[in-house]
N, C-alpha and C. Protein backbone atom coordinates (compact mmCIF):
# COMPACT_ATOMS: atom_id res chain seq x y z
N MET A 1 9.81 29.46 5.73
CA MET A 1 8.80 29.39 4.69
C MET A 1 9.14 28.28 3.88
N ARG A 2 10.33 27.86 3.53
CA ARG A 2 10.83 26.73 2.79
C ARG A 2 10.10 26.83 1.32
N LYS A 3 10.12 28.06 0.93
CA LYS A 3 9.60 28.25 -0.47
C LYS A 3 10.66 29.41 -1.01
N ALA A 4 10.79 29.33 -2.32
CA ALA A 4 11.72 30.34 -3.16
C ALA A 4 11.19 30.59 -4.40
N SER A 5 11.55 31.61 -5.01
CA SER A 5 11.24 31.95 -6.40
C SER A 5 12.38 32.84 -6.91
N LEU A 6 12.55 32.80 -8.10
CA LEU A 6 13.72 33.61 -8.65
C LEU A 6 13.67 33.67 -10.23
N SER A 7 14.30 34.52 -10.79
CA SER A 7 14.48 34.84 -12.14
C SER A 7 15.91 34.78 -12.59
N ARG A 8 16.05 34.28 -13.83
CA ARG A 8 17.52 34.28 -14.27
C ARG A 8 17.32 34.73 -15.75
N THR A 9 18.18 35.64 -16.06
CA THR A 9 18.17 36.04 -17.68
C THR A 9 19.44 36.20 -18.13
N THR A 10 19.77 35.47 -19.30
CA THR A 10 21.04 35.61 -20.00
C THR A 10 20.82 35.89 -21.37
N ASN A 11 21.82 35.99 -22.18
CA ASN A 11 21.64 36.46 -23.63
C ASN A 11 21.09 34.93 -24.36
N GLU A 12 21.04 34.05 -23.75
CA GLU A 12 20.61 32.71 -24.15
C GLU A 12 19.19 32.24 -23.70
N THR A 13 18.95 32.48 -22.31
CA THR A 13 17.79 32.20 -21.85
C THR A 13 17.08 33.12 -20.95
N LYS A 14 15.70 33.03 -20.71
CA LYS A 14 15.07 33.71 -19.63
C LYS A 14 14.18 32.72 -18.84
N ILE A 15 14.48 32.86 -17.60
CA ILE A 15 13.88 31.65 -16.75
C ILE A 15 13.19 32.33 -15.44
N THR A 16 12.16 31.85 -15.02
CA THR A 16 11.55 32.14 -13.79
C THR A 16 11.27 30.75 -13.18
N VAL A 17 11.44 30.43 -11.89
CA VAL A 17 11.19 29.24 -11.26
C VAL A 17 10.66 29.67 -9.69
N ALA A 18 9.87 28.72 -9.26
CA ALA A 18 9.29 28.84 -8.03
C ALA A 18 9.10 27.52 -7.58
N ILE A 19 9.51 27.25 -6.17
CA ILE A 19 9.40 25.87 -5.47
C ILE A 19 8.82 26.15 -4.26
N ASN A 20 8.14 24.99 -3.82
CA ASN A 20 7.68 24.84 -2.27
C ASN A 20 8.10 23.53 -1.87
N LEU A 21 8.92 23.47 -0.85
CA LEU A 21 9.39 22.25 -0.39
C LEU A 21 8.39 21.37 0.26
N ASP A 22 7.41 21.93 0.92
CA ASP A 22 6.23 21.26 1.56
C ASP A 22 5.00 21.35 0.84
N GLY A 23 5.14 21.11 -0.51
CA GLY A 23 4.07 20.94 -1.42
C GLY A 23 3.60 19.47 -1.55
N THR A 24 2.64 19.31 -2.52
CA THR A 24 2.05 18.01 -2.91
C THR A 24 2.58 17.44 -4.27
N GLY A 25 3.63 17.92 -4.90
CA GLY A 25 3.99 17.52 -6.10
C GLY A 25 3.44 18.13 -7.18
N GLN A 26 2.70 19.31 -7.12
CA GLN A 26 2.08 20.02 -8.24
C GLN A 26 3.29 20.61 -9.26
N SER A 27 2.94 20.75 -10.33
CA SER A 27 3.82 21.46 -11.41
C SER A 27 3.31 22.05 -12.43
N ASP A 28 3.93 23.11 -12.84
CA ASP A 28 3.60 24.00 -13.90
C ASP A 28 4.79 24.27 -14.67
N ILE A 29 5.16 23.47 -15.81
CA ILE A 29 6.42 23.49 -16.53
C ILE A 29 6.26 23.95 -17.93
N GLN A 30 6.88 24.96 -18.28
CA GLN A 30 6.91 25.39 -19.63
C GLN A 30 8.23 25.82 -20.31
N THR A 31 8.93 24.81 -20.87
CA THR A 31 10.34 25.11 -21.27
C THR A 31 10.52 25.17 -22.76
N GLY A 32 9.44 24.64 -23.38
CA GLY A 32 9.60 24.54 -24.92
C GLY A 32 10.25 23.24 -25.34
N VAL A 33 10.77 22.39 -24.32
CA VAL A 33 11.38 21.02 -24.65
C VAL A 33 10.40 20.06 -24.14
N GLY A 34 9.57 19.47 -24.92
CA GLY A 34 8.62 18.48 -24.47
C GLY A 34 9.10 17.55 -23.58
N PHE A 35 10.09 16.65 -23.77
CA PHE A 35 10.57 15.59 -23.02
C PHE A 35 11.04 16.11 -21.68
N PHE A 36 11.74 17.24 -21.80
CA PHE A 36 12.34 17.79 -20.55
C PHE A 36 11.07 18.29 -19.58
N ASP A 37 10.01 18.88 -20.14
CA ASP A 37 9.00 19.15 -19.40
C ASP A 37 8.43 18.03 -18.57
N HIS A 38 8.32 16.89 -19.43
CA HIS A 38 7.82 15.61 -18.83
C HIS A 38 8.70 15.06 -17.69
N MET A 39 10.00 15.34 -17.79
CA MET A 39 11.09 14.84 -16.61
C MET A 39 10.82 15.77 -15.46
N LEU A 40 10.59 17.00 -15.68
CA LEU A 40 10.55 18.11 -14.60
C LEU A 40 9.30 17.81 -13.78
N ASP A 41 8.24 17.31 -14.61
CA ASP A 41 6.97 17.09 -13.98
C ASP A 41 7.16 15.81 -13.13
N GLN A 42 7.89 14.77 -13.59
CA GLN A 42 8.22 13.61 -12.60
C GLN A 42 8.90 14.04 -11.39
N LEU A 43 9.89 14.94 -11.59
CA LEU A 43 10.72 15.46 -10.36
C LEU A 43 9.77 15.99 -9.45
N ALA A 44 8.85 16.98 -9.89
CA ALA A 44 7.94 17.50 -8.86
C ALA A 44 7.11 16.41 -8.09
N ARG A 45 6.44 15.64 -9.06
CA ARG A 45 5.34 14.73 -8.57
C ARG A 45 6.07 13.75 -7.58
N HIS A 46 7.15 13.28 -7.82
CA HIS A 46 7.69 12.23 -6.96
C HIS A 46 8.65 12.60 -5.67
N SER A 47 8.98 14.00 -5.81
CA SER A 47 9.52 14.57 -4.71
C SER A 47 8.63 15.30 -3.68
N LEU A 48 7.38 15.53 -4.27
CA LEU A 48 6.30 16.36 -3.43
C LEU A 48 6.75 17.69 -3.29
N ILE A 49 7.67 18.22 -4.11
CA ILE A 49 8.01 19.54 -4.08
C ILE A 49 7.19 20.19 -5.22
N ASP A 50 6.31 21.41 -5.02
CA ASP A 50 5.59 22.08 -5.99
C ASP A 50 6.79 22.81 -6.86
N ILE A 51 6.74 22.71 -8.11
CA ILE A 51 7.59 23.40 -8.96
C ILE A 51 7.01 24.01 -10.13
N THR A 52 7.32 25.32 -10.12
CA THR A 52 6.92 26.13 -11.40
C THR A 52 8.08 26.38 -12.25
N VAL A 53 8.04 26.32 -13.55
CA VAL A 53 9.14 26.77 -14.47
C VAL A 53 8.48 27.38 -15.60
N LYS A 54 9.13 28.57 -15.89
CA LYS A 54 8.60 29.12 -17.20
C LYS A 54 10.07 29.57 -17.84
N ALA A 55 10.37 29.09 -19.02
CA ALA A 55 11.62 29.14 -19.74
C ALA A 55 11.49 29.52 -21.13
N THR A 56 12.22 30.51 -21.62
CA THR A 56 12.33 30.68 -23.02
C THR A 56 13.81 30.83 -23.34
N GLY A 57 14.14 30.10 -24.38
CA GLY A 57 15.55 29.90 -24.69
C GLY A 57 15.83 29.91 -26.23
N ASP A 58 17.24 29.70 -26.46
CA ASP A 58 17.60 29.71 -27.91
C ASP A 58 17.41 28.33 -28.50
N LEU A 59 16.38 27.81 -28.66
CA LEU A 59 15.97 26.46 -28.97
C LEU A 59 16.18 26.25 -30.45
N HIS A 60 16.35 27.50 -31.22
CA HIS A 60 16.60 27.33 -32.55
C HIS A 60 18.07 26.95 -32.81
N ILE A 61 18.87 26.95 -31.70
CA ILE A 61 20.24 26.43 -31.88
C ILE A 61 20.30 24.89 -31.36
N ASP A 62 19.81 24.80 -30.02
CA ASP A 62 19.49 23.39 -29.60
C ASP A 62 19.00 23.50 -28.16
N ASP A 63 18.78 22.45 -27.49
CA ASP A 63 18.08 22.66 -26.11
C ASP A 63 19.05 22.75 -24.88
N HIS A 64 20.29 22.71 -25.33
CA HIS A 64 21.36 22.55 -24.30
C HIS A 64 21.29 23.95 -23.23
N HIS A 65 21.36 25.10 -23.74
CA HIS A 65 21.30 26.24 -22.81
C HIS A 65 20.11 26.20 -21.86
N THR A 66 18.77 25.85 -22.41
CA THR A 66 17.63 25.85 -21.79
C THR A 66 17.61 24.81 -20.66
N VAL A 67 18.01 23.60 -20.95
CA VAL A 67 18.08 22.52 -19.89
C VAL A 67 18.93 22.94 -19.00
N GLU A 68 20.25 23.31 -19.21
CA GLU A 68 21.32 23.70 -18.31
C GLU A 68 20.81 24.72 -17.25
N ASP A 69 20.39 25.72 -17.99
CA ASP A 69 20.03 26.93 -17.13
C ASP A 69 18.79 26.72 -16.34
N VAL A 70 17.85 25.94 -16.75
CA VAL A 70 16.78 25.43 -15.77
C VAL A 70 17.51 24.69 -14.55
N GLY A 71 18.28 23.80 -14.83
CA GLY A 71 19.12 23.21 -13.68
C GLY A 71 19.52 24.19 -12.59
N ILE A 72 20.35 25.31 -13.31
CA ILE A 72 21.10 26.35 -12.40
C ILE A 72 19.99 27.05 -11.58
N ALA A 73 19.00 27.39 -12.30
CA ALA A 73 17.89 28.21 -11.39
C ALA A 73 17.11 27.25 -10.43
N LEU A 74 16.87 26.02 -10.71
CA LEU A 74 16.17 25.24 -9.65
C LEU A 74 17.10 24.88 -8.64
N GLY A 75 18.46 24.61 -8.90
CA GLY A 75 19.39 24.51 -7.90
C GLY A 75 19.54 25.60 -6.86
N GLN A 76 19.67 26.94 -7.51
CA GLN A 76 19.72 28.16 -6.71
C GLN A 76 18.49 28.36 -5.95
N ALA A 77 17.27 27.92 -6.50
CA ALA A 77 15.89 28.07 -5.57
C ALA A 77 15.90 27.08 -4.53
N LEU A 78 16.23 25.88 -4.87
CA LEU A 78 16.41 24.75 -3.83
C LEU A 78 17.13 25.21 -2.60
N ALA A 79 18.35 25.77 -2.81
CA ALA A 79 19.49 26.18 -1.86
C ALA A 79 18.81 27.33 -1.16
N GLN A 80 18.10 28.28 -1.61
CA GLN A 80 17.48 29.50 -1.06
C GLN A 80 16.28 29.01 -0.18
N ALA A 81 15.45 27.88 -0.62
CA ALA A 81 14.24 27.50 0.00
C ALA A 81 14.85 26.77 1.27
N LEU A 82 16.03 25.96 1.31
CA LEU A 82 16.46 25.19 2.45
C LEU A 82 17.10 26.03 3.52
N GLY A 83 17.49 27.39 3.07
CA GLY A 83 17.95 28.19 4.13
C GLY A 83 19.30 27.62 4.81
N ASP A 84 19.36 27.68 6.00
CA ASP A 84 20.41 27.15 6.88
C ASP A 84 20.28 25.49 7.09
N LYS A 85 19.19 25.01 6.60
CA LYS A 85 18.99 23.53 6.54
C LYS A 85 18.79 23.04 7.80
N ARG A 86 18.32 23.92 8.84
CA ARG A 86 17.93 23.59 10.23
C ARG A 86 16.87 22.52 10.06
N GLY A 87 16.87 21.38 10.67
CA GLY A 87 15.70 20.52 10.98
C GLY A 87 15.44 19.43 9.93
N ILE A 88 16.27 19.47 8.88
CA ILE A 88 16.04 18.63 7.79
C ILE A 88 16.79 17.33 7.83
N ARG A 89 16.43 16.25 7.26
CA ARG A 89 17.02 14.96 7.14
C ARG A 89 18.46 15.10 6.54
N ARG A 90 18.75 15.93 5.60
CA ARG A 90 19.92 16.09 4.87
C ARG A 90 20.24 15.10 3.94
N TYR A 91 20.11 13.69 4.19
CA TYR A 91 20.58 12.68 3.38
C TYR A 91 19.27 11.89 2.72
N GLY A 92 19.48 11.52 1.53
CA GLY A 92 18.41 10.66 1.12
C GLY A 92 18.89 9.69 0.03
N SER A 93 18.16 8.59 -0.15
CA SER A 93 18.65 7.57 -1.28
C SER A 93 17.36 6.77 -1.65
N PHE A 94 17.58 6.19 -2.83
CA PHE A 94 16.26 5.46 -3.45
C PHE A 94 17.02 4.52 -4.52
N HIS A 95 16.22 3.34 -4.57
CA HIS A 95 16.37 2.56 -5.57
C HIS A 95 15.10 2.46 -6.43
N LEU A 96 15.10 2.95 -7.66
CA LEU A 96 13.93 3.10 -8.47
C LEU A 96 13.92 1.92 -9.67
N ALA A 97 12.92 1.18 -9.80
CA ALA A 97 12.69 0.25 -10.71
C ALA A 97 11.43 0.89 -11.79
N MET A 98 12.07 0.92 -12.98
CA MET A 98 10.92 1.18 -14.17
C MET A 98 11.20 0.22 -15.26
N ASP A 99 10.29 -0.70 -15.44
CA ASP A 99 10.43 -1.86 -16.51
C ASP A 99 11.87 -2.20 -16.42
N ASP A 100 12.70 -2.14 -17.64
CA ASP A 100 13.86 -2.66 -17.69
C ASP A 100 15.00 -1.81 -16.81
N ALA A 101 14.71 -0.67 -16.48
CA ALA A 101 15.60 0.27 -15.79
C ALA A 101 15.55 0.13 -14.21
N LEU A 102 16.77 -0.02 -13.72
CA LEU A 102 16.94 0.10 -12.29
C LEU A 102 17.92 1.26 -11.93
N ILE A 103 17.51 2.19 -11.24
CA ILE A 103 18.40 3.31 -10.87
C ILE A 103 18.67 3.62 -9.43
N ARG A 104 19.95 3.75 -9.10
CA ARG A 104 20.13 3.91 -7.68
C ARG A 104 20.65 5.46 -7.63
N CYS A 105 19.88 6.20 -6.60
CA CYS A 105 20.43 7.54 -6.23
C CYS A 105 20.79 7.65 -4.72
N ALA A 106 21.84 8.36 -4.47
CA ALA A 106 22.06 8.69 -3.12
C ALA A 106 22.51 10.23 -3.08
N LEU A 107 22.11 11.00 -2.03
CA LEU A 107 22.46 12.32 -2.16
C LEU A 107 22.62 12.96 -0.69
N ASP A 108 23.29 14.03 -0.60
CA ASP A 108 23.60 14.70 0.58
C ASP A 108 23.45 16.21 0.23
N LEU A 109 22.68 16.89 0.96
CA LEU A 109 22.43 18.31 0.91
C LEU A 109 23.54 19.03 1.74
N SER A 110 24.82 18.77 1.21
CA SER A 110 25.91 18.99 2.12
C SER A 110 26.47 20.58 2.02
N ALA A 111 26.05 21.20 0.85
CA ALA A 111 26.68 22.45 0.42
C ALA A 111 27.91 22.23 -0.25
N ARG A 112 28.33 20.96 -0.42
CA ARG A 112 29.75 20.64 -1.13
C ARG A 112 29.16 19.86 -2.34
N PRO A 113 29.08 20.66 -3.48
CA PRO A 113 28.48 20.00 -4.84
C PRO A 113 29.47 19.18 -5.42
N PHE A 114 28.98 17.97 -5.83
CA PHE A 114 29.53 16.95 -6.49
C PHE A 114 28.58 15.90 -7.31
N LEU A 115 29.07 15.75 -8.34
CA LEU A 115 28.21 14.67 -9.09
C LEU A 115 29.12 13.53 -9.67
N VAL A 116 28.47 12.35 -9.27
CA VAL A 116 29.06 11.04 -9.62
C VAL A 116 27.88 10.48 -10.62
N TRP A 117 28.23 10.27 -11.82
CA TRP A 117 27.04 9.98 -12.98
C TRP A 117 27.46 8.68 -13.47
N ASN A 118 26.90 7.69 -13.45
CA ASN A 118 27.06 6.27 -14.02
C ASN A 118 25.78 5.88 -14.81
N MET A 119 25.49 6.67 -15.79
CA MET A 119 24.28 6.31 -16.47
C MET A 119 24.34 6.43 -17.89
N PRO A 120 25.01 5.32 -18.25
CA PRO A 120 25.33 5.28 -19.81
C PRO A 120 23.79 4.96 -20.67
N PHE A 121 23.69 5.95 -21.49
CA PHE A 121 22.50 5.78 -22.32
C PHE A 121 22.87 5.00 -23.64
N PRO A 122 21.94 3.96 -24.13
CA PRO A 122 22.31 3.21 -25.17
C PRO A 122 21.89 3.94 -26.60
N THR A 123 21.19 5.08 -26.48
CA THR A 123 20.96 6.00 -27.63
C THR A 123 21.49 7.32 -27.45
N ALA A 124 21.60 8.09 -28.53
CA ALA A 124 21.97 9.41 -28.22
C ALA A 124 20.80 10.40 -28.06
N LYS A 125 19.65 9.80 -28.51
CA LYS A 125 18.32 10.72 -28.47
C LYS A 125 17.27 9.92 -27.77
N ILE A 126 16.33 10.68 -27.42
CA ILE A 126 14.97 10.27 -27.01
C ILE A 126 14.01 11.08 -27.72
N GLY A 127 13.60 10.56 -28.88
CA GLY A 127 12.87 11.45 -29.77
C GLY A 127 13.79 12.44 -30.39
N THR A 128 13.60 13.79 -30.09
CA THR A 128 14.49 14.91 -30.53
C THR A 128 15.44 15.23 -29.36
N PHE A 129 15.30 14.70 -28.15
CA PHE A 129 16.05 15.17 -26.95
C PHE A 129 17.41 14.40 -26.81
N ASP A 130 18.44 15.22 -26.65
CA ASP A 130 19.90 14.72 -26.52
C ASP A 130 19.90 14.05 -25.19
N THR A 131 20.26 12.69 -25.01
CA THR A 131 20.21 12.11 -23.84
C THR A 131 21.38 12.70 -22.91
N GLU A 132 22.40 13.20 -23.59
CA GLU A 132 23.60 13.81 -22.75
C GLU A 132 23.05 15.00 -21.90
N LEU A 133 21.79 15.63 -22.29
CA LEU A 133 21.58 16.75 -21.50
C LEU A 133 20.92 16.37 -20.31
N VAL A 134 20.65 15.11 -20.01
CA VAL A 134 20.17 14.66 -18.57
C VAL A 134 21.28 14.82 -17.61
N ARG A 135 22.57 14.36 -17.99
CA ARG A 135 23.61 14.67 -17.16
C ARG A 135 23.74 16.25 -16.92
N GLU A 136 23.80 17.07 -17.94
CA GLU A 136 23.93 18.59 -17.91
C GLU A 136 22.89 19.12 -16.85
N PHE A 137 21.56 18.59 -16.90
CA PHE A 137 20.67 19.11 -16.08
C PHE A 137 21.05 18.91 -14.59
N PHE A 138 21.47 17.55 -14.23
CA PHE A 138 21.83 17.19 -12.90
C PHE A 138 23.13 17.91 -12.52
N GLN A 139 24.03 17.94 -13.35
CA GLN A 139 25.29 18.57 -12.95
C GLN A 139 25.01 19.95 -12.44
N ALA A 140 24.13 20.81 -13.22
CA ALA A 140 23.83 22.13 -12.97
C ALA A 140 23.00 22.26 -11.58
N LEU A 141 22.00 21.22 -11.50
CA LEU A 141 21.28 21.14 -10.24
C LEU A 141 22.19 21.00 -8.99
N ALA A 142 23.02 20.06 -9.23
CA ALA A 142 23.81 19.80 -8.00
C ALA A 142 24.94 20.89 -7.75
N ILE A 143 25.46 21.37 -8.68
CA ILE A 143 26.42 22.47 -8.31
C ILE A 143 25.74 23.77 -7.66
N HIS A 144 24.67 24.15 -8.21
CA HIS A 144 24.00 25.40 -7.88
C HIS A 144 22.89 25.04 -6.64
N GLY A 145 22.66 23.86 -6.38
CA GLY A 145 21.92 23.53 -5.11
C GLY A 145 22.84 22.87 -4.14
N GLY A 146 24.01 22.92 -4.19
CA GLY A 146 24.94 22.58 -3.20
C GLY A 146 24.94 20.95 -2.65
N ILE A 147 24.65 20.10 -3.58
CA ILE A 147 24.22 18.75 -3.48
C ILE A 147 25.28 17.86 -3.82
N THR A 148 25.79 16.87 -3.09
CA THR A 148 26.56 15.65 -3.38
C THR A 148 25.51 14.70 -4.06
N LEU A 149 25.63 14.44 -5.35
CA LEU A 149 24.72 13.51 -5.86
C LEU A 149 25.41 12.26 -6.61
N HIS A 150 24.90 11.24 -6.49
CA HIS A 150 25.34 10.11 -7.04
C HIS A 150 24.28 9.33 -7.63
N VAL A 151 24.43 9.05 -9.06
CA VAL A 151 23.22 8.44 -9.87
C VAL A 151 23.83 7.38 -10.57
N ASP A 152 23.52 6.30 -10.26
CA ASP A 152 23.86 4.87 -10.98
C ASP A 152 22.86 4.13 -11.55
N MET A 153 22.98 3.76 -12.93
CA MET A 153 22.31 2.70 -13.46
C MET A 153 22.66 1.38 -13.25
N ILE A 154 21.86 0.45 -12.54
CA ILE A 154 22.21 -0.82 -12.40
C ILE A 154 21.78 -1.75 -13.51
N HIS A 155 20.50 -1.57 -14.07
CA HIS A 155 20.13 -2.27 -15.27
C HIS A 155 19.43 -1.22 -16.11
N GLY A 156 19.46 -1.58 -17.45
CA GLY A 156 18.63 -0.74 -18.29
C GLY A 156 19.07 -0.90 -19.76
N PHE A 157 18.05 -0.69 -20.75
CA PHE A 157 18.32 -0.84 -22.25
C PHE A 157 17.56 0.15 -22.86
N ASN A 158 16.52 0.90 -22.47
CA ASN A 158 15.53 1.65 -22.97
C ASN A 158 15.93 3.07 -22.47
N SER A 159 16.39 3.78 -23.42
CA SER A 159 16.84 5.26 -22.85
C SER A 159 15.69 6.02 -22.33
N HIS A 160 14.56 5.93 -22.75
CA HIS A 160 13.39 6.70 -22.15
C HIS A 160 13.13 6.39 -20.67
N HIS A 161 13.08 4.89 -20.57
CA HIS A 161 13.09 4.24 -19.04
C HIS A 161 14.16 4.73 -18.25
N ILE A 162 15.48 4.73 -18.73
CA ILE A 162 16.41 5.09 -17.97
C ILE A 162 16.50 6.40 -17.47
N ALA A 163 16.25 7.37 -18.33
CA ALA A 163 16.08 8.77 -18.18
C ALA A 163 14.92 9.02 -17.11
N GLU A 164 13.78 8.53 -17.43
CA GLU A 164 12.75 8.85 -16.44
C GLU A 164 12.76 8.17 -14.94
N ALA A 165 13.42 6.93 -15.01
CA ALA A 165 13.89 6.39 -13.74
C ALA A 165 14.81 7.09 -12.88
N GLY A 166 15.76 7.84 -13.71
CA GLY A 166 16.76 8.57 -13.00
C GLY A 166 16.09 9.89 -12.49
N PHE A 167 15.24 10.52 -13.22
CA PHE A 167 14.58 11.76 -12.46
C PHE A 167 13.62 11.34 -11.36
N LYS A 168 13.10 10.06 -11.42
CA LYS A 168 12.21 9.68 -10.39
C LYS A 168 12.94 9.32 -9.22
N ALA A 169 14.14 8.59 -9.27
CA ALA A 169 15.00 8.12 -8.31
C ALA A 169 15.62 9.44 -7.62
N VAL A 170 16.03 10.46 -8.36
CA VAL A 170 16.53 11.66 -7.68
C VAL A 170 15.47 12.40 -6.94
N ALA A 171 14.24 12.32 -7.40
CA ALA A 171 13.10 12.93 -6.81
C ALA A 171 12.92 12.23 -5.41
N ARG A 172 12.77 10.94 -5.51
CA ARG A 172 12.45 10.34 -4.12
C ARG A 172 13.44 10.59 -3.22
N ALA A 173 14.91 10.42 -3.55
CA ALA A 173 15.93 10.71 -2.62
C ALA A 173 15.78 12.39 -2.11
N LEU A 174 15.58 13.20 -3.02
CA LEU A 174 15.28 14.70 -2.57
C LEU A 174 14.23 14.84 -1.52
N ARG A 175 13.13 14.01 -1.80
CA ARG A 175 11.92 14.02 -0.80
C ARG A 175 12.39 13.76 0.52
N GLU A 176 13.17 12.60 0.57
CA GLU A 176 13.71 12.18 1.97
C GLU A 176 14.67 13.08 2.46
N ALA A 177 15.44 13.88 1.75
CA ALA A 177 16.46 14.71 2.24
C ALA A 177 16.01 15.98 2.78
N VAL A 178 15.00 16.63 2.14
CA VAL A 178 14.51 17.76 2.44
C VAL A 178 13.35 17.82 3.54
N GLU A 179 12.80 16.59 3.85
CA GLU A 179 11.78 16.51 4.94
C GLU A 179 12.26 16.84 6.27
N PRO A 180 11.50 17.59 6.86
CA PRO A 180 11.76 17.81 8.47
C PRO A 180 12.17 16.46 9.18
N ASP A 181 12.93 16.61 10.03
CA ASP A 181 13.37 15.42 10.90
C ASP A 181 12.69 15.61 12.24
N PRO A 182 11.75 14.83 12.66
CA PRO A 182 10.86 15.17 13.79
C PRO A 182 11.73 14.96 15.23
N ARG A 183 12.71 14.24 15.02
CA ARG A 183 13.72 13.93 16.17
C ARG A 183 14.90 15.06 16.30
N ARG A 184 14.98 16.01 15.27
CA ARG A 184 15.89 16.97 15.33
C ARG A 184 15.54 18.14 14.66
N SER A 185 14.23 18.57 15.02
CA SER A 185 13.59 19.80 14.36
C SER A 185 14.12 20.98 14.47
N ASP A 186 15.08 21.24 15.38
CA ASP A 186 15.67 22.65 15.58
C ASP A 186 17.07 22.47 15.34
N ALA A 187 17.82 21.40 14.90
CA ALA A 187 19.24 21.23 14.91
C ALA A 187 19.62 21.10 13.24
N ILE A 188 20.84 21.87 13.00
CA ILE A 188 21.54 21.73 11.76
C ILE A 188 22.06 20.45 11.87
N PRO A 189 21.83 19.58 10.75
CA PRO A 189 22.26 18.23 10.64
C PRO A 189 23.72 18.16 10.23
N SER A 190 24.62 18.64 11.17
CA SER A 190 26.05 18.53 10.90
C SER A 190 26.76 18.84 12.25
N THR A 191 27.89 18.10 12.35
CA THR A 191 28.74 18.12 13.60
C THR A 191 29.53 19.56 13.65
N LYS A 192 29.69 20.07 12.38
CA LYS A 192 30.36 21.32 12.08
C LYS A 192 29.20 22.65 12.77
N GLY A 193 28.12 22.37 12.76
CA GLY A 193 27.09 23.38 13.26
C GLY A 193 26.72 24.33 12.26
N SER A 194 27.20 23.95 10.79
CA SER A 194 26.67 24.81 9.77
C SER A 194 26.70 23.79 8.54
N LEU A 195 25.87 24.06 7.45
CA LEU A 195 26.14 23.38 6.23
C LEU A 195 26.02 24.48 5.06
């Protein structure tokens, strides 16, 4: 089916997510964190994965728990939707330019989570959003989605452009990795026979 939905409730957040790997990039995002909603919309639109996220969290403290826990839930949903990963391309990479920002992403849906993050933001905030939360989101997504994820800034001086280009680069690499491989439609893409 390549679809998944789940709920996650803690003392800090209540989150429901749904994804469709074979979507058209539709999104319905409501986290209470405006900039983050905008980034998740970009993630859906450029990966062509339909994404629904409804989140309430302890925003009176800060945005950290909400952003991290959405990453956890989306990672879990991605892993669930991929199942045994039979027939997918597995790997994806993309260079994405957005004005001053040039971001490179390479990823492997390996079930061996690891994040390499070389994205130095020149400012601590984008509006009211803490730029360090971009890494927190992708750390949670990688760990709970079983993704080896490398994200590198090659150029950039505007924090908004850097963050948005990062989300779009990951989205495009993810699109490539989750797509069915027409030459290996019934094979698990690993010499081990499982991922």
